Amino acid sequence: MDVFQKARQKGISFMPGVLCSTTDRYRHCLRLNCGISWSDELESSIAQLGRIICTMHK
């Protein structure tokens, strides 16, 4: 959920895995869904999400 909060501050949204189960089974997962065409902006946002995850989980 920390990654989710940090990403939301940057305008990036995803579904935390914990919301996909009634247990903690997917607490280390996330779900990405995209309903728009691929673009440089989308690619940049995904890269930024990756950087957020890397910096928070070292």
Foldseek 3Di string as FASTA:
>chain_A
DVLQVVLVVVVDHWAQQCVVDPDCPRNVHIGDDDDDDDDPVVVVSVVVSVVSVVVVPD
